[in-house]
């Protein structure tokens, strides 16, 4: 029995977009498909290398580091919902991550006075110091493994393009209830 195809206007492309893709080889070599695959491959490889460096040197996961940076960018305590949404995690995943961070004294939870059902996550002094030290090492590794791999003239365009892609992806992500 073959797989059934359900029409989804959000994922269907025009006939023009489908032109030239008649075999799996065509699909695998379609320039846009290749471009996205290369983006994922680069992100996965860099994420692994850079994440392992943070783990080795600072004893925290890359996900923990990202939450430290998220809190630092916000400049205020964030609700678990805000962390969940920003990190694109499940509620349970965010809770487990913050629990581990609390075990390492990187963050603490506080009750939001306006709504006692809401718990806010705030940086501790250890969390701030860890974020600063890890960011110094991380910036050097990003330079070494990502930016130095490109000709100097292409670096600014890459950074601008990544910012645009991040905003575009963020705009289409569903908001949590």
N, C-alpha and C. Protein backbone atom coordinates (compact mmCIF):
# COMPACT_ATOMS: atom_id res chain seq x y z
N UNK A 1 0.85 -1.18 0.00
CA UNK A 1 0.00 0.00 0.00
C UNK A 1 0.89 1.24 0.00
N UNK A 2 0.68 2.16 -0.89
CA UNK A 2 1.49 3.36 -1.00
C UNK A 2 1.10 4.42 0.02
N UNK A 3 2.00 5.33 0.25
CA UNK A 3 1.74 6.43 1.19
C UNK A 3 0.75 7.39 0.55
N UNK A 4 -0.17 7.89 1.36
CA UNK A 4 -1.13 8.85 0.86
C UNK A 4 -0.57 10.25 1.02
N UNK A 5 -0.91 11.10 0.08
CA UNK A 5 -0.44 12.48 0.10
C UNK A 5 -1.59 13.38 0.51
N UNK A 6 -1.40 14.15 1.56
CA UNK A 6 -2.39 15.11 2.00
C UNK A 6 -1.92 16.48 1.57
N UNK A 7 -2.81 17.23 0.92
CA UNK A 7 -2.44 18.58 0.47
C UNK A 7 -2.27 19.51 1.65
N UNK A 8 -1.18 20.25 1.65
CA UNK A 8 -0.93 21.25 2.67
C UNK A 8 -0.45 22.50 1.95
N UNK A 9 -1.28 23.54 1.87
CA UNK A 9 -0.88 24.74 1.12
C UNK A 9 0.36 25.42 1.67
N UNK A 10 0.68 25.21 2.95
CA UNK A 10 1.87 25.82 3.53
C UNK A 10 3.15 25.15 3.03
N UNK A 11 3.08 23.88 2.64
CA UNK A 11 4.28 23.17 2.23
C UNK A 11 4.31 22.85 0.74
N UNK A 12 3.21 23.06 0.05
CA UNK A 12 3.18 22.78 -1.37
C UNK A 12 3.86 23.91 -2.13
N UNK A 13 4.56 23.56 -3.17
CA UNK A 13 5.22 24.58 -3.98
C UNK A 13 4.53 24.67 -5.33
N UNK A 14 4.81 25.73 -6.03
CA UNK A 14 4.21 25.92 -7.34
C UNK A 14 4.84 24.95 -8.34
N UNK A 15 4.16 24.78 -9.47
CA UNK A 15 4.71 23.91 -10.51
C UNK A 15 6.06 24.42 -10.97
N UNK A 16 6.21 25.75 -10.98
CA UNK A 16 7.48 26.34 -11.38
C UNK A 16 8.61 25.88 -10.45
N UNK A 17 8.33 25.85 -9.14
CA UNK A 17 9.34 25.39 -8.18
C UNK A 17 9.65 23.91 -8.35
N UNK A 18 8.68 23.14 -8.83
CA UNK A 18 8.86 21.70 -8.97
C UNK A 18 9.51 21.32 -10.28
N UNK A 19 9.56 22.25 -11.23
CA UNK A 19 10.14 21.97 -12.54
C UNK A 19 11.58 21.51 -12.38
N UNK A 20 11.92 20.46 -13.08
CA UNK A 20 13.30 19.97 -13.04
C UNK A 20 13.54 18.94 -11.96
N UNK A 21 12.61 18.72 -11.06
CA UNK A 21 12.78 17.69 -10.03
C UNK A 21 11.86 16.53 -10.40
N UNK A 22 12.44 15.58 -11.12
CA UNK A 22 11.65 14.43 -11.56
C UNK A 22 12.19 13.11 -11.03
N UNK A 23 13.41 13.14 -10.49
CA UNK A 23 14.00 11.93 -9.92
C UNK A 23 14.58 12.26 -8.55
N UNK A 24 14.90 11.23 -7.80
CA UNK A 24 15.51 11.46 -6.49
C UNK A 24 16.88 12.12 -6.65
N UNK A 25 17.58 11.83 -7.73
CA UNK A 25 18.87 12.48 -7.97
C UNK A 25 18.66 13.98 -8.20
N UNK A 26 17.61 14.33 -8.96
CA UNK A 26 17.28 15.75 -9.15
C UNK A 26 16.98 16.40 -7.80
N UNK A 27 16.20 15.71 -6.99
CA UNK A 27 15.83 16.25 -5.67
C UNK A 27 17.07 16.46 -4.81
N UNK A 28 17.95 15.49 -4.79
CA UNK A 28 19.14 15.56 -3.94
C UNK A 28 20.12 16.62 -4.40
N UNK A 29 20.07 16.97 -5.68
CA UNK A 29 21.01 17.95 -6.23
C UNK A 29 20.38 19.31 -6.52
N UNK A 30 19.12 19.50 -6.13
CA UNK A 30 18.46 20.78 -6.34
C UNK A 30 19.19 21.83 -5.52
N UNK A 31 19.60 22.95 -6.10
CA UNK A 31 20.44 23.92 -5.40
C UNK A 31 19.88 24.41 -4.06
N UNK A 32 18.58 24.64 -3.96
CA UNK A 32 18.01 25.11 -2.69
C UNK A 32 18.03 24.01 -1.63
N UNK A 33 17.78 22.78 -2.07
CA UNK A 33 17.84 21.64 -1.15
C UNK A 33 19.28 21.47 -0.66
N UNK A 34 20.22 21.56 -1.58
CA UNK A 34 21.64 21.48 -1.20
C UNK A 34 22.04 22.61 -0.25
N UNK A 35 21.57 23.82 -0.53
CA UNK A 35 21.91 24.97 0.32
C UNK A 35 21.43 24.74 1.74
N UNK A 36 20.20 24.28 1.90
CA UNK A 36 19.68 24.04 3.25
C UNK A 36 20.42 22.90 3.93
N UNK A 37 20.73 21.86 3.19
CA UNK A 37 21.51 20.75 3.74
C UNK A 37 22.88 21.20 4.20
N UNK A 38 23.52 22.06 3.44
CA UNK A 38 24.83 22.59 3.83
C UNK A 38 24.72 23.46 5.08
N UNK A 39 23.64 24.25 5.16
CA UNK A 39 23.42 25.07 6.35
C UNK A 39 23.26 24.17 7.58
N UNK A 40 22.44 23.13 7.47
CA UNK A 40 22.27 22.20 8.59
C UNK A 40 23.57 21.48 8.93
N UNK A 41 24.30 21.06 7.91
CA UNK A 41 25.56 20.37 8.15
C UNK A 41 26.57 21.27 8.85
N UNK A 42 26.67 22.51 8.39
CA UNK A 42 27.59 23.46 9.03
C UNK A 42 27.17 23.73 10.46
N UNK A 43 25.86 23.97 10.66
CA UNK A 43 25.37 24.25 12.02
C UNK A 43 25.60 23.05 12.93
N UNK A 44 25.32 21.86 12.45
CA UNK A 44 25.53 20.66 13.26
C UNK A 44 26.99 20.44 13.61
N UNK A 45 27.85 20.57 12.62
CA UNK A 45 29.29 20.39 12.86
C UNK A 45 29.86 21.44 13.79
N UNK A 46 29.53 22.70 13.53
CA UNK A 46 30.02 23.78 14.39
C UNK A 46 29.42 23.66 15.78
N UNK A 47 28.14 23.32 15.86
CA UNK A 47 27.50 23.15 17.17
C UNK A 47 28.19 22.09 17.99
N UNK A 48 28.56 20.99 17.34
CA UNK A 48 29.26 19.91 18.04
C UNK A 48 30.63 20.37 18.53
N UNK A 49 31.42 20.93 17.65
CA UNK A 49 32.79 21.36 18.00
C UNK A 49 32.77 22.45 19.07
N UNK A 50 31.94 23.46 18.87
CA UNK A 50 31.90 24.57 19.81
C UNK A 50 31.26 24.16 21.14
N UNK A 51 30.24 23.32 21.07
CA UNK A 51 29.60 22.84 22.29
C UNK A 51 30.52 21.99 23.13
N UNK A 52 31.27 21.11 22.48
CA UNK A 52 32.23 20.24 23.21
C UNK A 52 33.31 21.10 23.87
N UNK A 53 33.74 22.15 23.21
CA UNK A 53 34.76 23.03 23.80
C UNK A 53 34.23 23.67 25.08
N UNK A 54 32.98 24.12 25.08
CA UNK A 54 32.38 24.72 26.27
C UNK A 54 32.26 23.68 27.38
N UNK A 55 31.81 22.48 27.01
CA UNK A 55 31.67 21.42 28.01
C UNK A 55 33.02 21.08 28.64
N UNK A 56 34.04 20.93 27.81
CA UNK A 56 35.38 20.57 28.33
C UNK A 56 35.93 21.65 29.26
N UNK A 57 35.83 22.89 28.83
CA UNK A 57 36.48 23.97 29.58
C UNK A 57 35.66 24.47 30.76
N UNK A 58 34.32 24.45 30.64
CA UNK A 58 33.50 25.08 31.68
C UNK A 58 32.53 24.12 32.37
N UNK A 59 32.45 22.88 31.88
CA UNK A 59 31.61 21.88 32.53
C UNK A 59 30.11 22.10 32.37
N UNK A 60 29.71 22.89 31.38
CA UNK A 60 28.29 23.12 31.12
C UNK A 60 28.00 22.76 29.67
N UNK A 61 26.75 22.41 29.41
CA UNK A 61 26.35 22.09 28.03
C UNK A 61 26.18 23.38 27.23
N UNK A 62 26.17 23.22 25.92
CA UNK A 62 25.94 24.38 25.05
C UNK A 62 24.55 24.94 25.30
N UNK A 63 23.56 24.08 25.59
CA UNK A 63 22.21 24.56 25.87
C UNK A 63 22.19 25.43 27.13
N UNK A 64 22.96 25.04 28.14
CA UNK A 64 23.06 25.85 29.36
C UNK A 64 23.68 27.20 29.04
N UNK A 65 24.74 27.18 28.26
CA UNK A 65 25.41 28.41 27.86
C UNK A 65 24.43 29.33 27.13
N UNK A 66 23.62 28.77 26.23
CA UNK A 66 22.65 29.58 25.49
C UNK A 66 21.64 30.22 26.43
N UNK A 67 21.20 29.49 27.47
CA UNK A 67 20.25 30.08 28.42
C UNK A 67 20.93 31.19 29.22
N UNK A 68 22.19 31.00 29.59
CA UNK A 68 22.92 32.06 30.29
C UNK A 68 22.96 33.32 29.42
N UNK A 69 23.24 33.14 28.13
CA UNK A 69 23.28 34.28 27.21
C UNK A 69 21.90 34.91 27.04
N UNK A 70 20.88 34.08 26.97
CA UNK A 70 19.51 34.57 26.84
C UNK A 70 19.15 35.45 28.04
N UNK A 71 19.49 35.00 29.23
CA UNK A 71 19.22 35.79 30.44
C UNK A 71 20.06 37.07 30.44
N UNK A 72 21.30 36.97 30.00
CA UNK A 72 22.16 38.15 29.93
C UNK A 72 21.64 39.17 28.94
N UNK A 73 21.16 38.71 27.78
CA UNK A 73 20.59 39.62 26.78
C UNK A 73 19.35 40.31 27.30
N UNK A 74 18.53 39.56 28.02
CA UNK A 74 17.28 40.12 28.54
C UNK A 74 17.56 41.16 29.62
N UNK A 75 18.61 40.95 30.40
CA UNK A 75 18.93 41.88 31.47
C UNK A 75 17.94 41.84 32.63
N UNK A 76 17.15 40.78 32.69
CA UNK A 76 16.16 40.62 33.74
C UNK A 76 15.83 39.14 33.86
N UNK A 77 15.21 38.74 34.96
CA UNK A 77 14.76 37.35 35.05
C UNK A 77 13.71 37.06 33.98
N UNK A 78 13.70 35.83 33.48
CA UNK A 78 12.75 35.41 32.46
C UNK A 78 11.85 34.31 33.01
N UNK A 79 10.64 34.27 32.52
CA UNK A 79 9.73 33.18 32.90
C UNK A 79 10.17 31.90 32.19
N UNK A 80 9.75 30.79 32.72
CA UNK A 80 10.05 29.51 32.07
C UNK A 80 9.45 29.50 30.66
N UNK A 81 8.29 30.11 30.49
CA UNK A 81 7.64 30.17 29.18
C UNK A 81 8.53 30.92 28.18
N UNK A 82 9.12 32.03 28.61
CA UNK A 82 10.00 32.80 27.73
C UNK A 82 11.23 31.99 27.33
N UNK A 83 11.78 31.25 28.29
CA UNK A 83 12.95 30.42 27.99
C UNK A 83 12.56 29.29 27.04
N UNK A 84 11.43 28.66 27.30
CA UNK A 84 10.95 27.58 26.45
C UNK A 84 10.77 28.06 25.02
N UNK A 85 10.13 29.21 24.86
CA UNK A 85 9.87 29.77 23.53
C UNK A 85 11.17 30.15 22.82
N UNK A 86 12.05 30.84 23.52
CA UNK A 86 13.29 31.32 22.91
C UNK A 86 14.21 30.17 22.50
N UNK A 87 14.23 29.12 23.30
CA UNK A 87 15.12 27.99 23.01
C UNK A 87 14.45 26.91 22.19
N UNK A 88 13.17 27.09 21.84
CA UNK A 88 12.39 26.12 21.08
C UNK A 88 12.49 24.74 21.75
N UNK A 89 12.13 24.72 23.02
CA UNK A 89 12.13 23.50 23.81
C UNK A 89 10.72 23.15 24.23
N UNK A 90 10.54 21.92 24.64
CA UNK A 90 9.27 21.56 25.27
C UNK A 90 9.30 22.12 26.69
N UNK A 91 8.15 22.20 27.31
CA UNK A 91 8.09 22.69 28.69
C UNK A 91 8.92 21.79 29.59
N UNK A 92 8.79 20.48 29.41
CA UNK A 92 9.56 19.53 30.22
C UNK A 92 11.06 19.65 29.98
N UNK A 93 11.44 19.86 28.72
CA UNK A 93 12.86 20.02 28.40
C UNK A 93 13.45 21.26 29.04
N UNK A 94 12.71 22.35 29.01
CA UNK A 94 13.18 23.59 29.63
C UNK A 94 13.28 23.41 31.15
N UNK A 95 12.30 22.75 31.74
CA UNK A 95 12.33 22.52 33.19
C UNK A 95 13.55 21.69 33.58
N UNK A 96 13.81 20.62 32.85
CA UNK A 96 14.98 19.78 33.15
C UNK A 96 16.28 20.56 32.99
N UNK A 97 16.36 21.38 31.93
CA UNK A 97 17.56 22.18 31.70
C UNK A 97 17.78 23.17 32.83
N UNK A 98 16.74 23.90 33.22
CA UNK A 98 16.86 24.88 34.31
C UNK A 98 17.15 24.17 35.63
N UNK A 99 16.57 23.00 35.85
CA UNK A 99 16.87 22.23 37.07
C UNK A 99 18.37 21.92 37.14
N UNK A 100 18.94 21.46 36.02
CA UNK A 100 20.39 21.15 36.00
C UNK A 100 21.21 22.42 36.24
N UNK A 101 20.78 23.52 35.64
CA UNK A 101 21.50 24.79 35.81
C UNK A 101 21.42 25.24 37.27
N UNK A 102 20.30 25.01 37.90
CA UNK A 102 20.15 25.37 39.31
C UNK A 102 21.05 24.50 40.18
N UNK A 103 21.20 23.24 39.83
CA UNK A 103 22.10 22.33 40.54
C UNK A 103 23.53 22.85 40.50
N UNK A 104 23.93 23.45 39.37
CA UNK A 104 25.28 24.01 39.22
C UNK A 104 25.38 25.44 39.75
N UNK A 105 24.32 25.95 40.36
CA UNK A 105 24.26 27.31 40.91
C UNK A 105 24.43 28.40 39.86
N UNK A 106 24.02 28.10 38.62
CA UNK A 106 24.11 29.09 37.54
C UNK A 106 22.91 30.02 37.53
N UNK A 107 21.77 29.51 37.96
CA UNK A 107 20.53 30.28 37.99
C UNK A 107 19.77 29.95 39.27
N UNK A 108 18.80 30.80 39.57
CA UNK A 108 17.86 30.47 40.65
C UNK A 108 16.47 30.88 40.19
N UNK A 109 15.48 30.23 40.78
CA UNK A 109 14.09 30.55 40.47
C UNK A 109 13.53 31.44 41.55
N UNK A 110 12.67 32.36 41.12
CA UNK A 110 11.99 33.21 42.09
C UNK A 110 10.53 33.31 41.67
N UNK A 111 9.65 33.45 42.62
CA UNK A 111 8.22 33.57 42.34
C UNK A 111 7.93 34.99 41.87
N UNK A 112 7.15 35.11 40.81
CA UNK A 112 6.74 36.40 40.28
C UNK A 112 5.61 36.91 41.15
N UNK A 113 5.84 38.03 41.79
CA UNK A 113 4.88 38.56 42.78
C UNK A 113 3.51 38.86 42.17
N UNK A 114 3.46 39.32 40.92
CA UNK A 114 2.18 39.67 40.29
C UNK A 114 1.33 38.44 39.97
N UNK A 115 1.97 37.29 39.80
CA UNK A 115 1.26 36.04 39.52
C UNK A 115 2.08 34.91 40.11
N UNK A 116 1.72 34.48 41.29
CA UNK A 116 2.53 33.52 42.04
C UNK A 116 2.64 32.15 41.36
N UNK A 117 1.85 31.92 40.30
CA UNK A 117 1.98 30.67 39.55
C UNK A 117 3.20 30.69 38.64
N UNK A 118 3.69 31.88 38.35
CA UNK A 118 4.81 32.05 37.42
C UNK A 118 6.12 32.08 38.20
N UNK A 119 7.07 31.28 37.72
CA UNK A 119 8.41 31.28 38.31
C UNK A 119 9.35 31.91 37.31
N UNK A 120 10.14 32.84 37.81
CA UNK A 120 11.13 33.52 36.98
C UNK A 120 12.50 32.90 37.22
N UNK A 121 13.29 32.87 36.18
CA UNK A 121 14.65 32.33 36.26
C UNK A 121 15.61 33.51 36.16
N UNK A 122 16.53 33.57 37.11
CA UNK A 122 17.50 34.67 37.16
C UNK A 122 18.91 34.11 37.24
N UNK A 123 19.86 34.86 36.70
CA UNK A 123 21.27 34.50 36.81
C UNK A 123 21.75 34.65 38.25
N UNK A 124 22.64 33.77 38.65
CA UNK A 124 23.35 33.95 39.92
C UNK A 124 24.68 34.60 39.60
N UNK A 125 25.41 34.95 40.60
CA UNK A 125 26.75 35.51 40.38
C UNK A 125 27.64 34.49 39.67
N UNK A 126 27.54 33.24 40.07
CA UNK A 126 28.32 32.17 39.40
C UNK A 126 27.89 32.06 37.94
N UNK A 127 26.58 32.17 37.68
CA UNK A 127 26.09 32.11 36.31
C UNK A 127 26.62 33.25 35.46
N UNK A 128 26.64 34.44 36.03
CA UNK A 128 27.18 35.59 35.29
C UNK A 128 28.66 35.40 34.98
N UNK A 129 29.42 34.99 35.98
CA UNK A 129 30.87 34.79 35.76
C UNK A 129 31.11 33.68 34.74
N UNK A 130 30.35 32.61 34.82
CA UNK A 130 30.50 31.51 33.87
C UNK A 130 30.16 31.97 32.46
N UNK A 131 29.10 32.74 32.33
CA UNK A 131 28.70 33.24 31.01
C UNK A 131 29.80 34.10 30.39
N UNK A 132 30.39 34.97 31.18
CA UNK A 132 31.43 35.87 30.68
C UNK A 132 32.66 35.07 30.25
N UNK A 133 33.12 34.17 31.10
CA UNK A 133 34.31 33.38 30.77
C UNK A 133 34.06 32.47 29.57
N UNK A 134 32.90 31.81 29.55
CA UNK A 134 32.59 30.91 28.43
C UNK A 134 32.43 31.70 27.14
N UNK A 135 31.84 32.90 27.21
CA UNK A 135 31.64 33.71 26.01
C UNK A 135 32.99 34.15 25.42
N UNK A 136 33.94 34.43 26.27
CA UNK A 136 35.28 34.80 25.75
C UNK A 136 35.87 33.66 24.94
N UNK A 137 35.82 32.45 25.50
CA UNK A 137 36.35 31.28 24.81
C UNK A 137 35.52 30.97 23.57
N UNK A 138 34.21 31.08 23.70
CA UNK A 138 33.31 30.77 22.58
C UNK A 138 33.54 31.73 21.42
N UNK A 139 33.69 33.02 21.71
CA UNK A 139 33.93 34.00 20.65
C UNK A 139 35.22 33.67 19.90
N UNK A 140 36.25 33.29 20.63
CA UNK A 140 37.51 32.92 19.98
C UNK A 140 37.33 31.68 19.10
N UNK A 141 36.55 30.72 19.57
CA UNK A 141 36.31 29.50 18.78
C UNK A 141 35.43 29.78 17.57
N UNK A 142 34.45 30.66 17.71
CA UNK A 142 33.61 31.04 16.56
C UNK A 142 34.50 31.70 15.51
N UNK A 143 35.39 32.56 15.95
CA UNK A 143 36.32 33.19 15.02
C UNK A 143 37.15 32.13 14.30
N UNK A 144 37.72 31.23 15.08
CA UNK A 144 38.63 30.22 14.53
C UNK A 144 37.93 29.23 13.59
N UNK A 145 36.80 28.68 14.02
CA UNK A 145 36.17 27.59 13.26
C UNK A 145 35.12 28.05 12.25
N UNK A 146 34.60 29.26 12.42
CA UNK A 146 33.55 29.71 11.52
C UNK A 146 34.01 30.88 10.65
N UNK A 147 34.35 31.98 11.30
CA UNK A 147 34.65 33.19 10.52
C UNK A 147 35.96 33.09 9.76
N UNK A 148 36.98 32.52 10.37
CA UNK A 148 38.27 32.40 9.67
C UNK A 148 38.21 31.44 8.48
N UNK A 149 37.15 30.63 8.39
CA UNK A 149 36.98 29.72 7.26
C UNK A 149 36.53 30.46 6.01
N UNK A 150 36.14 31.72 6.17
CA UNK A 150 35.64 32.52 5.06
C UNK A 150 36.63 33.62 4.69
N UNK A 151 36.62 34.00 3.42
CA UNK A 151 37.40 35.19 3.06
C UNK A 151 36.86 36.39 3.85
N UNK A 152 37.73 37.28 4.26
CA UNK A 152 37.34 38.43 5.08
C UNK A 152 36.18 39.22 4.47
N UNK A 153 36.18 39.35 3.15
CA UNK A 153 35.15 40.13 2.47
C UNK A 153 33.76 39.51 2.59
N UNK A 154 33.66 38.22 2.89
CA UNK A 154 32.36 37.54 2.98
C UNK A 154 31.81 37.48 4.41
N UNK A 155 32.61 37.81 5.40
CA UNK A 155 32.19 37.64 6.80
C UNK A 155 31.01 38.53 7.16
N UNK A 156 31.05 39.80 6.80
CA UNK A 156 29.95 40.72 7.12
C UNK A 156 28.65 40.27 6.46
N UNK A 157 28.75 39.83 5.20
CA UNK A 157 27.55 39.36 4.49
C UNK A 157 26.98 38.12 5.18
N UNK A 158 27.84 37.23 5.63
CA UNK A 158 27.38 36.04 6.33
C UNK A 158 26.64 36.42 7.61
N UNK A 159 27.22 37.30 8.40
CA UNK A 159 26.60 37.71 9.66
C UNK A 159 25.26 38.38 9.42
N UNK A 160 25.17 39.23 8.40
CA UNK A 160 23.90 39.88 8.07
C UNK A 160 22.89 38.85 7.58
N UNK A 161 23.34 37.92 6.77
CA UNK A 161 22.44 36.88 6.27
C UNK A 161 21.93 35.98 7.39
N UNK A 162 22.79 35.63 8.33
CA UNK A 162 22.36 34.80 9.45
C UNK A 162 21.34 35.53 10.32
N UNK A 163 21.54 36.82 10.52
CA UNK A 163 20.57 37.61 11.29
C UNK A 163 19.22 37.62 10.58
N UNK A 164 19.22 37.79 9.27
CA UNK A 164 17.97 37.79 8.50
C UNK A 164 17.29 36.43 8.57
N UNK A 165 18.05 35.36 8.44
CA UNK A 165 17.48 34.01 8.53
C UNK A 165 16.89 33.75 9.91
N UNK A 166 17.58 34.20 10.94
CA UNK A 166 17.09 34.00 12.30
C UNK A 166 15.77 34.74 12.51
N UNK A 167 15.69 35.96 12.03
CA UNK A 167 14.45 36.74 12.16
C UNK A 167 13.32 36.09 11.35
N UNK A 168 13.63 35.63 10.16
CA UNK A 168 12.63 35.00 9.31
C UNK A 168 12.09 33.72 9.96
N UNK A 169 12.98 32.91 10.48
CA UNK A 169 12.55 31.67 11.14
C UNK A 169 11.75 31.98 12.40
N UNK A 170 12.19 32.96 13.17
CA UNK A 170 11.46 33.34 14.37
C UNK A 170 10.06 33.84 14.09
N UNK A 171 9.89 34.48 12.95
CA UNK A 171 8.59 35.04 12.60
C UNK A 171 7.56 33.97 12.26
N UNK A 172 8.01 32.82 11.81
CA UNK A 172 7.07 31.76 11.43
C UNK A 172 6.90 30.68 12.50
N UNK A 173 7.70 30.75 13.56
CA UNK A 173 7.52 29.77 14.64
C UNK A 173 6.21 30.05 15.36
N UNK A 174 5.50 29.00 15.70
CA UNK A 174 4.24 29.23 16.45
C UNK A 174 4.54 29.72 17.85
N UNK A 175 3.69 30.61 18.34
CA UNK A 175 3.82 31.11 19.72
C UNK A 175 3.22 30.07 20.66
N UNK A 176 3.87 29.91 21.80
CA UNK A 176 3.33 28.97 22.79
C UNK A 176 2.09 29.57 23.43
N UNK A 177 1.14 28.70 23.78
CA UNK A 177 -0.07 29.20 24.45
C UNK A 177 0.25 29.74 25.83
